[in-house]
Amino acid sequence: MSALADPTRRAIFERLADGPKAVSQLAEGLPVSRPAVSQHLKVLKEAELVVDRAVGTQRLYQLNPAGLDALRAWLNRFWDQALAAFAAAAESEGKQADD
């Protein structure tokens, strides 16, 4: 999650949802340089949220399905806990109303 805490990294991550892109494509319209985009991609790659591959002289970056699955599972854990807590609170209120 810390890899996505930075707004520029989130923007890069979101741009990759459309498909693989080179650093130059990702840098277009961002308020940072290409080298800065490369550094952000390095952080996302270390977090296993993106992968890259060589295509000619470029590197194409894309979202890593395995990393997204792990992120989704982590978020789902909190969602499941929140739903369980809500159900417990609703049951408790229901029992108090019956008493």
Protein backbone atom coordinates (compact mmCIF):
# COMPACT_ATOMS: atom_id res chain seq x y z
CA MET A 1 0.00 0.00 0.00
CA SER A 2 2.84 2.41 0.67
CA ALA A 3 3.83 2.13 -3.01
CA LEU A 4 0.45 3.60 -3.92
CA ALA A 5 0.54 6.32 -1.26
CA ASP A 6 2.28 8.75 -3.60
CA PRO A 7 -0.15 10.53 -5.97
CA THR A 8 2.26 10.37 -8.92
CA ARG A 9 2.71 6.62 -8.48
CA ARG A 10 -1.07 6.20 -8.29
CA ALA A 11 -1.42 8.14 -11.53
CA ILE A 12 1.18 5.94 -13.21
CA PHE A 13 -0.51 2.82 -11.81
CA GLU A 14 -3.89 3.98 -13.11
CA ARG A 15 -2.47 4.73 -16.56
CA LEU A 16 -1.21 1.16 -16.76
CA ALA A 17 -4.77 -0.11 -16.33
CA ASP A 18 -5.26 0.69 -20.03
CA GLY A 19 -2.43 -1.65 -21.00
CA PRO A 20 1.36 -1.78 -21.33
CA LYS A 21 3.17 1.52 -21.79
CA ALA A 22 6.71 2.81 -22.14
CA VAL A 23 8.14 5.35 -19.70
CA SER A 24 7.79 8.11 -22.30
CA GLN A 25 4.06 7.39 -22.64
CA LEU A 26 3.59 7.30 -18.89
CA ALA A 27 5.45 10.57 -18.42
CA GLU A 28 3.21 12.49 -20.84
CA GLY A 29 1.17 15.04 -18.94
CA LEU A 30 2.73 14.27 -15.56
CA PRO A 31 4.44 17.09 -13.66
CA VAL A 32 7.64 15.01 -13.29
CA SER A 33 10.52 14.06 -15.56
CA ARG A 34 11.00 10.72 -17.30
CA PRO A 35 13.78 9.76 -14.86
CA ALA A 36 11.35 10.48 -11.99
CA VAL A 37 8.71 8.28 -13.65
CA SER A 38 11.36 5.54 -13.90
CA GLN A 39 12.03 5.86 -10.16
CA HIS A 40 8.31 5.60 -9.42
CA LEU A 41 8.10 2.53 -11.65
CA LYS A 42 11.01 1.01 -9.73
CA VAL A 43 9.03 1.39 -6.48
CA LEU A 44 5.92 -0.14 -8.08
CA LYS A 45 8.03 -2.98 -9.47
CA GLU A 46 9.62 -3.66 -6.06
CA ALA A 47 6.08 -3.78 -4.61
CA GLU A 48 5.28 -6.34 -7.32
CA LEU A 49 2.45 -4.19 -8.66
CA VAL A 50 4.01 -3.82 -12.11
CA VAL A 51 6.25 -5.89 -14.33
CA ASP A 52 8.33 -4.87 -17.31
CA ARG A 53 9.65 -6.44 -20.47
CA ALA A 54 12.01 -5.38 -23.20
CA VAL A 55 10.52 -4.61 -26.61
CA GLY A 56 13.27 -3.48 -28.95
CA THR A 57 15.04 -0.59 -27.27
CA GLN A 58 12.15 0.20 -24.92
CA ARG A 59 10.89 -1.30 -21.72
CA LEU A 60 7.14 -1.73 -21.51
CA TYR A 61 5.53 -1.67 -18.10
CA GLN A 62 2.23 -3.30 -17.24
CA LEU A 63 0.22 -4.21 -14.18
CA ASN A 64 1.25 -7.44 -12.50
CA PRO A 65 -1.83 -9.68 -12.11
CA ALA A 66 -0.23 -11.60 -9.22
CA GLY A 67 0.53 -8.37 -7.37
CA LEU A 68 -3.00 -7.12 -7.96
CA ASP A 69 -4.41 -10.39 -6.62
CA ALA A 70 -2.32 -10.00 -3.46
CA LEU A 71 -3.47 -6.39 -3.05
CA ARG A 72 -7.10 -7.40 -3.59
CA ALA A 73 -6.80 -10.21 -1.02
CA TRP A 74 -5.31 -7.80 1.51
CA LEU A 75 -8.11 -5.27 0.94
CA ASN A 76 -10.77 -8.00 1.02
CA ARG A 77 -9.55 -9.03 4.47
CA PHE A 78 -10.47 -5.58 5.77
CA TRP A 79 -13.76 -5.61 3.91
CA ASP A 80 -14.62 -9.01 5.42
CA GLN A 81 -13.70 -7.76 8.91
CA ALA A 82 -15.81 -4.63 8.44
CA LEU A 83 -18.81 -6.67 7.30
CA ALA A 84 -18.43 -9.07 10.23
CA ALA A 85 -18.22 -6.16 12.68
CA PHE A 86 -21.31 -4.57 11.10
CA ALA A 87 -23.23 -7.87 11.35
CA ALA A 88 -22.20 -8.29 14.99
CA ALA A 89 -23.27 -4.73 15.81
CA ALA A 90 -26.62 -5.21 14.05
CA GLU A 91 -27.24 -8.48 15.92
CA SER A 92 -26.34 -6.83 19.23
CA GLU A 93 -28.73 -3.95 18.59
CA GLY A 94 -31.42 -6.41 17.53
CA LYS A 95 -31.03 -8.39 20.77
CA GLN A 96 -31.10 -5.20 22.84
CA ALA A 97 -34.31 -4.12 21.10
CA ASP A 98 -35.88 -7.52 21.87
CA ASP A 99 -35.04 -7.24 25.58
